[in-house]
Amino acid sequence: MNRRRSSPPRSSRMTPANAHGKGGGKLRIIGGKFRRRLLAVPDHPGLRPTPNRMRETLFNWLAFELADRRVLDLFAGTGALGLEALSRGAQDALFVEADAKVADTLRTNLQTLDAPGQVITRDALALLNGSPQPFDIVFLDPPFRQGLASDACGLLERQGWLNDEAWIYVETEATLTLEPPATWKLHREVVAGESHGRLYRRTASPP
């Protein structure tokens, strides 16, 4: 969702440092019960919400799959994807963000919305190597060009983070050829600028 050239720390969705200019910005929820709510984005180099057009496309794909689902938002950044899912009926969401300042703002935004989510300040790959809890929907949008997408996909599958028919959205740089686990079937994909978004459906066993 967010176009990133580099990203210290690697859990935040980043864009070039001049994407906002100085100061923070605003995240707008585009659908559901929190529609049009504006939330703070911290003053952090290069951080910005996922573009509205890409978010709208993804959530059109997931329109009938969100109700009462458990959501995992890895490399969460602003939390745009997880917050949008909560707005549209997800039961709860776990946000994983390594940068403490960004994570604190995300916690504040959840409180502002009175939304059922939890934020963990931790490296996403370190979390995936730990004790799993299965999720129905996973958003995976790591910093570009750091080789994180393939590692995260493999850990999600091997470590037991996915329910049998989970949905997994992966966004990478458009130039990356991604080889997902054998149990993941590509459902939809979209390319916009530098970004390639892929939505997969997990099956209980490989085809």
Protein backbone atom coordinates (compact mmCIF):
# COMPACT_ATOMS: atom_id res chain seq x y z
CA MET A 1 0.00 0.00 0.00
CA ASN A 2 2.70 2.48 0.77
CA ARG A 3 5.58 3.04 -1.58
CA ARG A 4 8.87 2.77 0.24
CA ARG A 5 12.44 3.13 -0.93
CA SER A 6 14.01 2.54 2.47
CA SER A 7 12.60 2.29 5.93
CA PRO A 8 14.39 2.52 9.23
CA PRO A 9 12.83 0.89 11.21
CA ARG A 10 11.65 -1.85 8.88
CA SER A 11 8.14 -2.30 10.35
CA SER A 12 6.79 1.09 9.22
CA ARG A 13 5.16 1.75 5.88
CA MET A 14 7.29 4.49 4.39
CA THR A 15 7.53 6.80 1.42
CA PRO A 16 10.12 9.44 0.50
CA ALA A 17 10.74 11.89 3.33
CA ASN A 18 9.14 14.75 1.43
CA ALA A 19 5.81 12.92 0.98
CA HIS A 20 4.21 15.09 3.64
CA GLY A 21 6.70 17.87 3.89
CA LYS A 22 7.24 18.87 7.50
CA GLY A 23 4.90 17.77 10.21
CA GLY A 24 2.51 14.86 10.37
CA GLY A 25 -0.55 14.22 8.27
CA LYS A 26 -4.01 12.71 8.44
CA LEU A 27 -5.40 9.27 7.76
CA ARG A 28 -8.96 9.19 6.43
CA ILE A 29 -11.08 6.09 6.90
CA ILE A 30 -12.85 5.57 3.58
CA GLY A 31 -15.67 3.13 4.41
CA GLY A 32 -17.71 1.51 7.15
CA LYS A 33 -18.83 2.85 10.52
CA PHE A 34 -15.80 5.13 10.88
CA ARG A 35 -16.14 6.49 7.35
CA ARG A 36 -14.60 9.95 6.84
CA ARG A 37 -13.04 10.01 10.29
CA LEU A 38 -9.66 11.76 10.24
CA LEU A 39 -6.89 10.39 12.41
CA ALA A 40 -3.46 11.71 13.25
CA VAL A 41 -0.32 10.49 11.50
CA PRO A 42 2.85 11.16 13.51
CA ASP A 43 5.63 13.47 12.40
CA HIS A 44 7.94 10.68 11.29
CA PRO A 45 10.23 10.71 8.23
CA GLY A 46 8.38 9.36 5.22
CA LEU A 47 5.35 7.93 7.02
CA ARG A 48 1.94 8.35 5.44
CA PRO A 49 -1.39 6.50 5.15
CA THR A 50 -1.99 3.95 2.44
CA PRO A 51 -3.32 5.67 -0.71
CA ASN A 52 -7.11 5.78 -0.76
CA ARG A 53 -7.47 4.30 -4.24
CA MET A 54 -5.43 1.20 -3.42
CA ARG A 55 -7.27 0.74 -0.13
CA GLU A 56 -10.64 1.05 -1.79
CA THR A 57 -9.74 -1.59 -4.39
CA LEU A 58 -8.58 -4.03 -1.71
CA PHE A 59 -11.64 -3.59 0.46
CA ASN A 60 -13.95 -3.99 -2.50
CA TRP A 61 -12.34 -7.40 -2.97
CA LEU A 62 -12.87 -8.22 0.72
CA ALA A 63 -16.33 -6.68 0.99
CA PHE A 64 -18.10 -9.86 2.17
CA GLU A 65 -15.19 -11.40 4.06
CA LEU A 66 -14.63 -8.95 6.93
CA ALA A 67 -17.57 -9.43 9.30
CA ASP A 68 -16.48 -10.88 12.64
CA ARG A 69 -13.00 -11.75 11.33
CA ARG A 70 -9.71 -11.56 13.25
CA VAL A 71 -7.17 -9.37 11.46
CA LEU A 72 -3.37 -9.19 11.63
CA ASP A 73 -1.73 -6.01 10.28
CA LEU A 74 2.02 -6.63 9.98
CA PHE A 75 4.50 -3.79 9.38
CA ALA A 76 1.50 -1.68 10.36
CA GLY A 77 2.78 1.90 10.04
CA THR A 78 -0.30 4.11 10.23
CA GLY A 79 -2.50 1.03 10.59
CA ALA A 80 -4.56 2.13 7.59
CA LEU A 81 -5.41 -1.41 6.52
CA GLY A 82 -6.29 -2.79 9.94
CA LEU A 83 -8.29 0.29 10.88
CA GLU A 84 -10.22 0.12 7.62
CA ALA A 85 -10.99 -3.54 8.32
CA LEU A 86 -12.29 -2.70 11.81
CA SER A 87 -14.43 0.06 10.35
CA ARG A 88 -15.97 -2.45 7.96
CA GLY A 89 -16.90 -5.07 10.52
CA ALA A 90 -13.82 -7.03 11.55
CA GLN A 91 -14.06 -8.42 15.09
CA ASP A 92 -10.62 -7.28 16.25
CA ALA A 93 -7.15 -6.52 14.92
CA LEU A 94 -3.56 -6.96 16.02
CA PHE A 95 -1.17 -4.29 14.73
CA VAL A 96 2.57 -4.98 14.71
CA GLU A 97 4.81 -1.91 14.46
CA ALA A 98 8.49 -1.65 15.42
CA ASP A 99 8.75 2.13 15.79
CA ALA A 100 7.61 3.18 19.27
CA LYS A 101 6.39 6.65 18.29
CA VAL A 102 4.36 5.35 15.36
CA ALA A 103 2.93 2.57 17.53
CA ASP A 104 1.88 5.05 20.24
CA THR A 105 -0.03 7.15 17.71
CA LEU A 106 -1.76 4.03 16.44
CA ARG A 107 -2.83 3.17 20.00
CA THR A 108 -4.23 6.68 20.40
CA ASN A 109 -6.17 6.36 17.15
CA LEU A 110 -7.69 3.07 18.25
CA GLN A 111 -8.80 4.72 21.49
CA THR A 112 -10.22 7.67 19.58
CA LEU A 113 -12.33 5.32 17.48
CA ASP A 114 -13.12 3.07 20.46
CA ALA A 115 -12.11 0.22 18.14
CA PRO A 116 -11.24 -3.33 19.30
CA GLY A 117 -7.55 -3.55 18.45
CA GLN A 118 -4.17 -4.16 20.07
CA VAL A 119 -0.79 -2.70 19.09
CA ILE A 120 2.47 -4.57 19.67
CA THR A 121 5.72 -2.63 19.40
CA ARG A 122 7.93 -5.31 17.92
CA ASP A 123 9.76 -6.37 14.79
CA ALA A 124 7.26 -8.22 12.61
CA LEU A 125 9.53 -11.14 11.69
CA ALA A 126 10.50 -11.62 15.34
CA LEU A 127 6.81 -11.84 16.22
CA LEU A 128 6.16 -14.39 13.47
CA ASN A 129 8.94 -16.57 14.84
CA GLY A 130 7.18 -16.67 18.20
CA SER A 131 4.03 -18.35 19.50
CA PRO A 132 1.28 -18.11 16.86
CA GLN A 133 -2.39 -17.30 17.09
CA PRO A 134 -4.37 -17.99 13.90
CA PHE A 135 -5.95 -15.09 11.99
CA ASP A 136 -8.62 -14.92 9.30
CA ILE A 137 -7.16 -11.95 7.38
CA VAL A 138 -3.56 -10.79 7.21
CA PHE A 139 -2.24 -7.55 5.71
CA LEU A 140 1.42 -7.79 4.77
CA ASP A 141 2.98 -4.60 3.42
CA PRO A 142 6.67 -4.58 4.36
CA PRO A 143 9.25 -1.99 3.32
CA PHE A 144 10.26 -2.46 -0.28
CA ARG A 145 13.52 -3.96 -1.50
CA GLN A 146 14.56 -5.51 1.78
CA GLY A 147 13.58 -9.11 1.05
CA LEU A 148 11.01 -9.14 3.85
CA ALA A 149 7.89 -10.21 1.95
CA SER A 150 9.02 -13.75 1.13
CA ASP A 151 10.33 -14.35 4.64
CA ALA A 152 7.10 -13.11 6.20
CA CYS A 153 4.93 -15.20 3.87
CA GLY A 154 6.88 -18.32 4.74
CA LEU A 155 6.67 -17.68 8.48
CA LEU A 156 2.94 -17.01 8.35
CA GLU A 157 2.41 -20.41 6.76
CA ARG A 158 4.98 -22.52 8.62
CA GLN A 159 4.43 -21.11 12.10
CA GLY A 160 0.64 -21.49 12.13
CA TRP A 161 -0.56 -17.88 11.94
CA LEU A 162 -3.30 -18.59 9.37
CA ASN A 163 -6.71 -20.19 9.65
CA ASP A 164 -7.52 -22.80 7.02
CA GLU A 165 -9.21 -20.39 4.60
CA ALA A 166 -7.46 -17.19 5.56
CA TRP A 167 -7.11 -14.23 3.21
CA ILE A 168 -3.62 -12.74 2.85
CA TYR A 169 -2.94 -9.42 1.15
CA VAL A 170 0.69 -8.88 0.16
CA GLU A 171 2.03 -5.65 -1.29
CA THR A 172 5.51 -5.46 -2.75
CA GLU A 173 7.50 -3.44 -5.24
CA ALA A 174 6.16 -4.09 -8.74
CA THR A 175 9.48 -5.55 -9.88
CA LEU A 176 9.45 -8.38 -7.32
CA THR A 177 8.50 -11.89 -8.36
CA LEU A 178 6.83 -13.40 -5.30
CA GLU A 179 6.60 -17.15 -4.76
CA PRO A 180 3.92 -17.70 -2.11
CA PRO A 181 3.42 -20.91 -0.13
CA ALA A 182 1.82 -23.76 -2.07
CA THR A 183 -1.39 -23.50 -0.03
CA TRP A 184 -2.02 -19.93 -1.18
CA LYS A 185 -4.11 -19.35 -4.30
CA LEU A 186 -3.99 -15.96 -6.02
CA HIS A 187 -7.45 -14.37 -6.01
CA ARG A 188 -6.88 -10.83 -7.32
CA GLU A 189 -3.95 -8.55 -8.08
CA VAL A 190 -3.39 -4.93 -9.00
CA VAL A 191 -0.39 -2.86 -10.03
CA ALA A 192 -0.31 0.87 -9.33
CA GLY A 193 2.90 2.79 -9.87
CA GLU A 194 5.70 1.04 -7.98
CA SER A 195 3.33 -1.17 -6.00
CA HIS A 196 1.99 -4.64 -6.77
CA GLY A 197 -0.85 -5.80 -4.55
CA ARG A 198 -1.82 -9.48 -4.42
CA LEU A 199 -4.74 -11.00 -2.54
CA TYR A 200 -4.40 -14.73 -1.77
CA ARG A 201 -6.83 -17.28 -0.34
CA ARG A 202 -5.34 -20.04 1.75
CA THR A 203 -6.56 -23.61 1.33
CA ALA A 204 -6.21 -26.32 3.96
CA SER A 205 -3.82 -28.34 1.79
CA PRO A 206 -1.74 -27.66 -1.35
CA PRO A 207 -3.50 -28.22 -4.70
